[in-house]
């Protein structure tokens, strides 16, 4: 499996975290989230899979929390791994990121997750703004599929 960003540091303990994230194409571009915490980050919407949840259930919940949108037709594209510090949890994590493409269906309201803002950006702008190279790689490789996926609906 491909790894992005920094390699694991020798001697550091990492907590394993699996999460589900989505490329969400729409008429105004791609829906991403801006997280304003200790550091501002632009990300594909998604997050950790809670005990008892399937990856698709976690994806739907996280997208709704971070963007206010509901989704349909999730389709898994692949996965990547990264080793990173997660300041919101104060842990070093080995993240296994499952990447999906899904259709945003209905905006239910603003994001319920604190410090998150949903943004529609043209794909070329999203590629510049996304904070981690794994997200950028998946959007770069699957962006043309996103346009086709969006037009099908």
C-alpha atoms as a PDB file:
ATOM      1  CA  UNK A   1       0.000   0.000   0.000  1.00  0.00           C
ATOM      2  CA  UNK A   2       1.281   3.437  -0.890  1.00  0.00           C
ATOM      3  CA  UNK A   3       2.460   5.721   1.907  1.00  0.00           C
ATOM      4  CA  UNK A   4       2.335   9.516   1.713  1.00  0.00           C
ATOM      5  CA  UNK A   5       4.105  12.277   3.612  1.00  0.00           C
ATOM      6  CA  UNK A   6       6.719  11.569   6.287  1.00  0.00           C
ATOM      7  CA  UNK A   7       7.942   8.038   7.062  1.00  0.00           C
ATOM      8  CA  UNK A   8       7.367   6.725  10.590  1.00  0.00           C
ATOM      9  CA  UNK A   9       9.916   7.962  13.103  1.00  0.00           C
ATOM     10  CA  UNK A  10      12.089   5.268  14.619  1.00  0.00           C
ATOM     11  CA  UNK A  11      11.183   4.641  18.252  1.00  0.00           C
ATOM     12  CA  UNK A  12       7.907   6.615  18.147  1.00  0.00           C
ATOM     13  CA  UNK A  13       4.708   4.778  19.056  1.00  0.00           C
ATOM     14  CA  UNK A  14       1.810   5.262  16.654  1.00  0.00           C
ATOM     15  CA  UNK A  15      -1.823   4.505  17.317  1.00  0.00           C
ATOM     16  CA  UNK A  16      -3.552   2.802  14.373  1.00  0.00           C
ATOM     17  CA  UNK A  17      -6.518   4.818  13.041  1.00  0.00           C
ATOM     18  CA  UNK A  18      -8.657   3.758  10.089  1.00  0.00           C
ATOM     19  CA  UNK A  19     -10.770   6.384   8.390  1.00  0.00           C
ATOM     20  CA  UNK A  20     -13.009   6.844   5.355  1.00  0.00           C
ATOM     21  CA  UNK A  21     -12.782   9.946   3.120  1.00  0.00           C
ATOM     22  CA  UNK A  22     -14.562  11.012  -0.075  1.00  0.00           C
ATOM     23  CA  UNK A  23     -14.115  12.841  -3.323  1.00  0.00           C
ATOM     24  CA  UNK A  24     -17.496  14.591  -3.680  1.00  0.00           C
ATOM     25  CA  UNK A  25     -18.072  16.028  -7.179  1.00  0.00           C
ATOM     26  CA  UNK A  26     -20.876  18.463  -7.866  1.00  0.00           C
ATOM     27  CA  UNK A  27     -21.938  21.176 -10.313  1.00  0.00           C
ATOM     28  CA  UNK A  28     -19.739  23.742  -8.525  1.00  0.00           C
ATOM     29  CA  UNK A  29     -16.617  21.580  -8.396  1.00  0.00           C
ATOM     30  CA  UNK A  30     -15.454  19.349  -5.560  1.00  0.00           C
ATOM     31  CA  UNK A  31     -16.737  19.600  -1.979  1.00  0.00           C
ATOM     32  CA  UNK A  32     -13.886  19.770   0.536  1.00  0.00           C
ATOM     33  CA  UNK A  33     -13.684  20.830   4.152  1.00  0.00           C
ATOM     34  CA  UNK A  34     -11.571  23.471   5.862  1.00  0.00           C
ATOM     35  CA  UNK A  35     -10.678  22.694   9.445  1.00  0.00           C
ATOM     36  CA  UNK A  36      -9.673  25.689  11.563  1.00  0.00           C
ATOM     37  CA  UNK A  37      -7.975  24.283  14.627  1.00  0.00           C
ATOM     38  CA  UNK A  38      -4.432  24.724  15.838  1.00  0.00           C
ATOM     39  CA  UNK A  39      -3.501  24.732  12.155  1.00  0.00           C
ATOM     40  CA  UNK A  40      -5.784  25.388   9.193  1.00  0.00           C
ATOM     41  CA  UNK A  41      -6.164  22.307   7.012  1.00  0.00           C
ATOM     42  CA  UNK A  42      -8.059  21.605   3.798  1.00  0.00           C
ATOM     43  CA  UNK A  43      -9.167  17.987   3.503  1.00  0.00           C
ATOM     44  CA  UNK A  44     -11.358  15.533   1.705  1.00  0.00           C
ATOM     45  CA  UNK A  45     -14.406  15.175   3.980  1.00  0.00           C
ATOM     46  CA  UNK A  46     -14.331  12.123   6.203  1.00  0.00           C
ATOM     47  CA  UNK A  47     -12.734  10.764   9.324  1.00  0.00           C
ATOM     48  CA  UNK A  48     -12.310   7.950  11.787  1.00  0.00           C
ATOM     49  CA  UNK A  49     -14.368   4.781  11.797  1.00  0.00           C
ATOM     50  CA  UNK A  50     -16.002   4.258  15.197  1.00  0.00           C
ATOM     51  CA  UNK A  51     -16.311   0.798  16.783  1.00  0.00           C
ATOM     52  CA  UNK A  52     -19.275  -1.046  15.272  1.00  0.00           C
ATOM     53  CA  UNK A  53     -19.401   1.158  12.154  1.00  0.00           C
ATOM     54  CA  UNK A  54     -18.687   0.023   8.632  1.00  0.00           C
ATOM     55  CA  UNK A  55     -16.437   2.282   6.546  1.00  0.00           C
ATOM     56  CA  UNK A  56     -19.461   3.415   4.478  1.00  0.00           C
ATOM     57  CA  UNK A  57     -21.476   4.249   7.619  1.00  0.00           C
ATOM     58  CA  UNK A  58     -18.531   6.224   8.999  1.00  0.00           C
ATOM     59  CA  UNK A  59     -18.118   8.028   5.677  1.00  0.00           C
ATOM     60  CA  UNK A  60     -21.764   9.128   5.594  1.00  0.00           C
ATOM     61  CA  UNK A  61     -21.633  10.286   9.237  1.00  0.00           C
ATOM     62  CA  UNK A  62     -18.321  12.151   8.857  1.00  0.00           C
ATOM     63  CA  UNK A  63     -19.348  13.876   5.604  1.00  0.00           C
ATOM     64  CA  UNK A  64     -22.603  15.009   7.247  1.00  0.00           C
ATOM     65  CA  UNK A  65     -20.741  16.284  10.360  1.00  0.00           C
ATOM     66  CA  UNK A  66     -18.006  18.074   8.407  1.00  0.00           C
ATOM     67  CA  UNK A  67     -20.025  19.489   5.494  1.00  0.00           C
ATOM     68  CA  UNK A  68     -23.740  19.284   6.339  1.00  0.00           C
ATOM     69  CA  UNK A  69     -24.351  17.169   3.205  1.00  0.00           C
ATOM     70  CA  UNK A  70     -25.810  13.686   2.847  1.00  0.00           C
ATOM     71  CA  UNK A  71     -24.285  11.358   0.248  1.00  0.00           C
ATOM     72  CA  UNK A  72     -25.269   8.468  -2.014  1.00  0.00           C
ATOM     73  CA  UNK A  73     -23.550   5.879  -4.214  1.00  0.00           C
ATOM     74  CA  UNK A  74     -20.235   5.596  -2.341  1.00  0.00           C
ATOM     75  CA  UNK A  75     -17.685   3.688  -4.402  1.00  0.00           C
ATOM     76  CA  UNK A  76     -14.299   2.734  -2.985  1.00  0.00           C
ATOM     77  CA  UNK A  77     -11.344   3.941  -5.037  1.00  0.00           C
ATOM     78  CA  UNK A  78      -8.462   2.665  -2.919  1.00  0.00           C
ATOM     79  CA  UNK A  79      -6.458   3.404   0.209  1.00  0.00           C
ATOM     80  CA  UNK A  80      -3.228   4.959   1.410  1.00  0.00           C
ATOM     81  CA  UNK A  81      -1.270   5.136   4.652  1.00  0.00           C
ATOM     82  CA  UNK A  82       0.289   8.084   6.446  1.00  0.00           C
ATOM     83  CA  UNK A  83       2.062   8.657   9.749  1.00  0.00           C
ATOM     84  CA  UNK A  84       1.152  11.961  11.368  1.00  0.00           C
ATOM     85  CA  UNK A  85       0.513  13.868  14.561  1.00  0.00           C
ATOM     86  CA  UNK A  86      -3.185  14.507  15.244  1.00  0.00           C
ATOM     87  CA  UNK A  87      -3.309  17.622  17.452  1.00  0.00           C
ATOM     88  CA  UNK A  88      -7.073  17.380  18.052  1.00  0.00           C
ATOM     89  CA  UNK A  89      -6.470  14.014  19.795  1.00  0.00           C
ATOM     90  CA  UNK A  90      -2.898  14.706  20.972  1.00  0.00           C
ATOM     91  CA  UNK A  91      -1.668  11.429  19.438  1.00  0.00           C
ATOM     92  CA  UNK A  92       0.764  10.212  16.816  1.00  0.00           C
ATOM     93  CA  UNK A  93      -1.191   8.055  14.405  1.00  0.00           C
ATOM     94  CA  UNK A  94      -0.635   5.522  11.679  1.00  0.00           C
ATOM     95  CA  UNK A  95      -3.632   6.404   9.509  1.00  0.00           C
ATOM     96  CA  UNK A  96      -5.122   4.000   7.004  1.00  0.00           C
ATOM     97  CA  UNK A  97      -7.198   6.248   4.736  1.00  0.00           C
ATOM     98  CA  UNK A  98      -9.914   4.513   2.679  1.00  0.00           C
ATOM     99  CA  UNK A  99     -10.870   6.760  -0.235  1.00  0.00           C
ATOM    100  CA  UNK A 100     -14.310   6.758  -1.856  1.00  0.00           C
ATOM    101  CA  UNK A 101     -16.136   8.707  -4.489  1.00  0.00           C
ATOM    102  CA  UNK A 102     -19.726   9.597  -3.600  1.00  0.00           C
ATOM    103  CA  UNK A 103     -22.508  11.863  -4.775  1.00  0.00           C
ATOM    104  CA  UNK A 104     -23.483  14.757  -2.473  1.00  0.00           C
ATOM    105  CA  UNK A 105     -27.293  14.635  -2.408  1.00  0.00           C
ATOM    106  CA  UNK A 106     -28.783  17.127   0.021  1.00  0.00           C
ATOM    107  CA  UNK A 107     -27.405  19.888   2.218  1.00  0.00           C
ATOM    108  CA  UNK A 108     -29.071  19.457   5.614  1.00  0.00           C
ATOM    109  CA  UNK A 109     -27.465  22.540   7.144  1.00  0.00           C
ATOM    110  CA  UNK A 110     -24.074  23.848   8.183  1.00  0.00           C
ATOM    111  CA  UNK A 111     -21.374  21.478   9.435  1.00  0.00           C
ATOM    112  CA  UNK A 112     -22.024  20.267  12.985  1.00  0.00           C
ATOM    113  CA  UNK A 113     -18.340  19.528  13.573  1.00  0.00           C
ATOM    114  CA  UNK A 114     -16.701  22.498  15.348  1.00  0.00           C
ATOM    115  CA  UNK A 115     -14.231  24.558  13.306  1.00  0.00           C
ATOM    116  CA  UNK A 116     -15.253  22.980   9.957  1.00  0.00           C
ATOM    117  CA  UNK A 117     -16.368  24.859   6.847  1.00  0.00           C
ATOM    118  CA  UNK A 118     -17.635  23.181   3.677  1.00  0.00           C
ATOM    119  CA  UNK A 119     -16.166  24.627   0.469  1.00  0.00           C
ATOM    120  CA  UNK A 120     -16.996  23.991  -3.188  1.00  0.00           C
ATOM    121  CA  UNK A 121     -13.858  24.479  -5.274  1.00  0.00           C
ATOM    122  CA  UNK A 122     -12.958  23.832  -8.901  1.00  0.00           C
ATOM    123  CA  UNK A 123     -10.815  20.701  -9.015  1.00  0.00           C
ATOM    124  CA  UNK A 124      -7.636  22.612  -9.928  1.00  0.00           C
ATOM    125  CA  UNK A 125      -8.078  24.855  -6.864  1.00  0.00           C
ATOM    126  CA  UNK A 126      -8.850  21.894  -4.590  1.00  0.00           C
ATOM    127  CA  UNK A 127      -5.618  20.243  -5.777  1.00  0.00           C
ATOM    128  CA  UNK A 128      -3.697  23.359  -4.677  1.00  0.00           C
ATOM    129  CA  UNK A 129      -5.453  23.695  -1.320  1.00  0.00           C
ATOM    130  CA  UNK A 130      -5.687  20.095  -0.049  1.00  0.00           C
ATOM    131  CA  UNK A 131      -3.265  19.803   2.862  1.00  0.00           C
ATOM    132  CA  UNK A 132      -1.991  16.262   2.433  1.00  0.00           C
ATOM    133  CA  UNK A 133      -0.396  14.656  -0.563  1.00  0.00           C
ATOM    134  CA  UNK A 134      -2.500  11.475  -0.341  1.00  0.00           C
ATOM    135  CA  UNK A 135      -5.740  13.438  -0.794  1.00  0.00           C
ATOM    136  CA  UNK A 136      -4.176  15.388  -3.682  1.00  0.00           C
ATOM    137  CA  UNK A 137      -2.948  12.189  -5.361  1.00  0.00           C
ATOM    138  CA  UNK A 138      -6.394  10.547  -5.265  1.00  0.00           C
ATOM    139  CA  UNK A 139      -8.127  13.680  -6.559  1.00  0.00           C
ATOM    140  CA  UNK A 140      -5.507  14.062  -9.319  1.00  0.00           C
ATOM    141  CA  UNK A 141      -5.844  10.404 -10.389  1.00  0.00           C
ATOM    142  CA  UNK A 142      -9.643  10.197 -10.118  1.00  0.00           C
ATOM    143  CA  UNK A 143     -10.707  13.748 -10.982  1.00  0.00           C
ATOM    144  CA  UNK A 144     -11.771  12.875 -14.521  1.00  0.00           C
ATOM    145  CA  UNK A 145     -13.925  10.072 -13.084  1.00  0.00           C
ATOM    146  CA  UNK A 146     -15.439  12.628 -10.701  1.00  0.00           C
ATOM    147  CA  UNK A 147     -16.694  14.707 -13.638  1.00  0.00           C
ATOM    148  CA  UNK A 148     -18.220  11.632 -15.302  1.00  0.00           C
ATOM    149  CA  UNK A 149     -19.676  10.404 -11.988  1.00  0.00           C
ATOM    150  CA  UNK A 150     -21.273  13.800 -11.357  1.00  0.00           C
ATOM    151  CA  UNK A 151     -22.812  13.982 -14.872  1.00  0.00           C
ATOM    152  CA  UNK A 152     -24.454  10.540 -14.510  1.00  0.00           C
ATOM    153  CA  UNK A 153     -26.833  11.851 -11.844  1.00  0.00           C
END
